């Protein structure tokens, strides 16, 4: 089995995973054995995107909740 001949990881695969998290997850699952560095980059990009989205929604809910309490709701 010819492993890691072209496996350099790559920032662009991580960026793709960040921009399109489902693509990053699929690429991670497909490449985890053949190209582990590239798969890791795509998977981390997907995780970063999901983490940032969750943090954004938590912050929005906190701000809206604080505005509701201050407004007398």
Protein backbone atom coordinates (compact mmCIF):
# COMPACT_ATOMS: atom_id res chain seq x y z
CA UNK A 1 0.00 0.00 0.00
CA UNK A 2 1.54 3.31 -1.05
CA UNK A 3 0.81 5.61 1.85
CA UNK A 4 1.65 9.28 2.27
CA UNK A 5 3.29 9.80 -1.13
CA UNK A 6 1.29 12.95 -1.78
CA UNK A 7 0.00 13.50 1.75
CA UNK A 8 1.19 16.93 2.79
CA UNK A 9 -1.83 18.01 4.78
CA UNK A 10 -2.60 21.34 3.30
CA UNK A 11 -4.15 24.57 4.47
CA UNK A 12 -6.58 24.67 1.57
CA UNK A 13 -8.21 21.36 2.56
CA UNK A 14 -8.68 22.79 6.04
CA UNK A 15 -10.15 25.94 4.57
CA UNK A 16 -12.53 23.87 2.45
CA UNK A 17 -13.55 21.94 5.56
CA UNK A 18 -14.14 25.21 7.38
CA UNK A 19 -16.20 26.75 4.59
CA UNK A 20 -18.20 23.58 3.90
CA UNK A 21 -18.17 21.48 7.09
CA UNK A 22 -20.06 18.53 5.62
CA UNK A 23 -17.44 18.28 2.85
CA UNK A 24 -14.68 18.35 5.47
CA UNK A 25 -16.36 15.55 7.38
CA UNK A 26 -16.84 13.45 4.25
CA UNK A 27 -13.24 14.01 3.15
CA UNK A 28 -12.02 13.08 6.62
CA UNK A 29 -13.98 9.83 6.58
CA UNK A 30 -12.81 8.95 3.06
CA UNK A 31 -9.13 9.85 3.52
CA UNK A 32 -8.48 8.89 7.15
CA UNK A 33 -6.55 5.75 6.13
CA UNK A 34 -5.04 6.75 2.76
CA UNK A 35 -4.09 10.38 3.50
CA UNK A 36 -4.12 10.90 7.28
CA UNK A 37 -2.54 14.40 7.25
CA UNK A 38 -4.92 15.74 4.62
CA UNK A 39 -7.88 14.06 6.34
CA UNK A 40 -6.88 15.64 9.63
CA UNK A 41 -6.68 19.10 8.03
CA UNK A 42 -10.14 18.76 6.48
CA UNK A 43 -11.59 17.37 9.72
CA UNK A 44 -10.12 20.13 11.86
CA UNK A 45 -11.47 22.73 9.43
CA UNK A 46 -14.95 21.23 9.79
CA UNK A 47 -14.67 21.16 13.59
CA UNK A 48 -13.51 24.78 13.71
CA UNK A 49 -16.48 25.84 11.58
CA UNK A 50 -18.96 23.98 13.76
CA UNK A 51 -17.35 25.33 16.93
CA UNK A 52 -17.47 28.91 15.67
CA UNK A 53 -21.12 28.50 14.66
CA UNK A 54 -22.07 27.16 18.08
CA UNK A 55 -20.18 29.99 19.81
CA UNK A 56 -21.89 32.56 17.57
CA UNK A 57 -25.36 31.23 18.37
CA UNK A 58 -24.62 31.14 22.10
CA UNK A 59 -23.43 34.75 22.00
CA UNK A 60 -26.52 35.83 20.05
CA UNK A 61 -28.84 34.08 22.51
CA UNK A 62 -27.06 35.72 25.46
CA UNK A 63 -27.28 39.18 23.88
CA UNK A 64 -30.96 38.75 23.00
CA UNK A 65 -31.65 37.38 26.47
CA UNK A 66 -29.90 40.33 28.10
CA UNK A 67 -31.84 42.76 25.91
CA UNK A 68 -35.09 41.04 26.86
CA UNK A 69 -34.31 41.27 30.59
CA UNK A 70 -33.28 44.92 30.29
CA UNK A 71 -36.40 45.69 28.27
CA UNK A 72 -38.72 44.32 30.93
CA UNK A 73 -39.81 41.09 29.28
